[in-house]
Amino acid sequence: MATIERWIDVDAEISEADREWTEFMFRSLVGHYKTANADVEWSLAEDVEKSGLVTLADLGGGRTRVTVSIEYVGEPGADEAVGAHLDRDLAEFKRFTETRG
């Protein structure tokens, strides 16, 4: 199992970042989410098993670091695709949070 970890700093208090993360993850977090029978299903790719952890850290001065770690099993070379997808989603979360605040 491989692990990819990425983080991004956002201009938001930790409580606001937490609230926005919850909203954002139901829209487009690291892949695509869909609701079915009140469950949330995450899909990164059909051929990748995965699990993840999101942590928020208060950096002070109204800034928060959002860190996402994903453990996955996939085809060789999948780490580049997973990392690129995660980078793109974290950048989108930053835009989402900072423009709504």
Protein backbone atom coordinates (compact mmCIF):
# COMPACT_ATOMS: atom_id res chain seq x y z
CA MET A 1 0.00 0.00 0.00
CA ALA A 2 1.36 3.43 -0.94
CA THR A 3 0.69 6.75 0.78
CA ILE A 4 0.36 10.17 -0.83
CA GLU A 5 0.25 13.23 1.41
CA ARG A 6 -0.41 16.79 0.33
CA TRP A 7 -1.27 19.98 2.18
CA ILE A 8 -2.36 23.51 1.48
CA ASP A 9 -2.58 26.63 3.62
CA VAL A 10 -5.81 28.63 3.43
CA ASP A 11 -6.68 32.12 4.64
CA ALA A 12 -9.40 31.02 7.07
CA GLU A 13 -9.74 30.37 10.79
CA ILE A 14 -9.66 26.67 11.63
CA SER A 15 -13.38 26.60 12.53
CA GLU A 16 -14.27 28.17 9.18
CA ALA A 17 -11.94 25.83 7.27
CA ASP A 18 -13.54 22.85 9.02
CA ARG A 19 -17.04 24.04 8.10
CA GLU A 20 -16.01 24.72 4.49
CA TRP A 21 -14.22 21.35 4.23
CA THR A 22 -17.42 19.58 5.20
CA GLU A 23 -19.35 21.48 2.54
CA PHE A 24 -16.60 21.08 -0.06
CA MET A 25 -16.17 17.33 0.43
CA PHE A 26 -19.79 16.74 -0.46
CA ARG A 27 -19.26 18.69 -3.67
CA SER A 28 -15.93 17.51 -5.03
CA LEU A 29 -13.35 16.07 -2.68
CA VAL A 30 -10.44 14.13 -4.09
CA GLY A 31 -12.52 12.41 -6.68
CA HIS A 32 -16.27 12.41 -6.90
CA TYR A 33 -18.80 11.98 -4.15
CA LYS A 34 -22.32 10.82 -4.56
CA THR A 35 -25.04 10.17 -2.04
CA ALA A 36 -27.01 6.96 -1.99
CA ASN A 37 -29.23 5.93 0.91
CA ALA A 38 -27.59 8.61 3.10
CA ASP A 39 -24.15 7.07 2.54
CA VAL A 40 -21.28 8.88 0.90
CA GLU A 41 -19.22 6.98 -1.62
CA TRP A 42 -15.81 8.14 -2.73
CA SER A 43 -14.37 7.14 -6.06
CA LEU A 44 -10.89 8.02 -7.19
CA ALA A 45 -10.67 5.41 -9.89
CA GLU A 46 -12.23 2.05 -10.49
CA ASP A 47 -8.95 0.17 -10.05
CA VAL A 48 -7.66 1.87 -6.88
CA GLU A 49 -8.41 0.77 -3.32
CA LYS A 50 -8.05 3.71 -0.96
CA SER A 51 -8.55 5.22 2.46
CA GLY A 52 -7.69 8.68 3.68
CA LEU A 53 -7.23 11.08 6.55
CA VAL A 54 -7.78 14.85 6.62
CA THR A 55 -6.22 16.99 9.35
CA LEU A 56 -6.58 20.71 10.02
CA ALA A 57 -3.91 22.70 11.87
CA ASP A 58 -4.24 26.27 13.13
CA LEU A 59 -1.28 28.27 11.80
CA GLY A 60 -2.32 31.45 13.63
CA GLY A 61 -3.20 34.77 12.07
CA GLY A 62 -6.40 33.42 10.55
CA ARG A 63 -4.65 30.70 8.53
CA THR A 64 -5.20 26.93 8.54
CA ARG A 65 -3.19 24.08 7.03
CA VAL A 66 -5.30 21.31 5.50
CA THR A 67 -3.42 18.02 5.10
CA VAL A 68 -4.79 15.03 3.22
CA SER A 69 -3.13 11.61 3.40
CA ILE A 70 -4.36 8.86 1.11
CA GLU A 71 -3.34 5.23 1.36
CA TYR A 72 -4.06 3.30 -1.78
CA VAL A 73 -3.38 0.18 -3.75
CA GLY A 74 -3.32 0.66 -7.50
CA GLU A 75 -1.49 0.09 -10.72
CA PRO A 76 2.23 0.98 -10.93
CA GLY A 77 2.60 4.69 -11.58
CA ALA A 78 -0.77 5.49 -9.99
CA ASP A 79 0.97 7.68 -7.41
CA GLU A 80 1.55 10.42 -9.99
CA ALA A 81 -2.11 10.45 -10.99
CA VAL A 82 -3.30 10.32 -7.37
CA GLY A 83 -0.91 13.13 -6.39
CA ALA A 84 -1.94 15.33 -9.32
CA HIS A 85 -5.62 14.75 -8.54
CA LEU A 86 -5.06 15.62 -4.89
CA ASP A 87 -3.09 18.79 -5.77
CA ARG A 88 -5.91 19.92 -8.06
CA ASP A 89 -8.59 19.25 -5.44
CA LEU A 90 -6.70 21.04 -2.67
CA ALA A 91 -6.19 24.09 -4.90
CA GLU A 92 -9.92 24.07 -5.65
CA PHE A 93 -10.68 23.84 -1.91
CA LYS A 94 -8.46 26.88 -1.29
CA ARG A 95 -10.37 28.87 -3.94
CA PHE A 96 -13.69 27.60 -2.58
CA THR A 97 -12.84 28.61 1.00
CA GLU A 98 -11.17 31.94 0.35
CA THR A 99 -13.82 33.25 -2.03
CA ARG A 100 -16.71 32.27 0.23
CA GLY A 101 -15.19 33.81 3.38
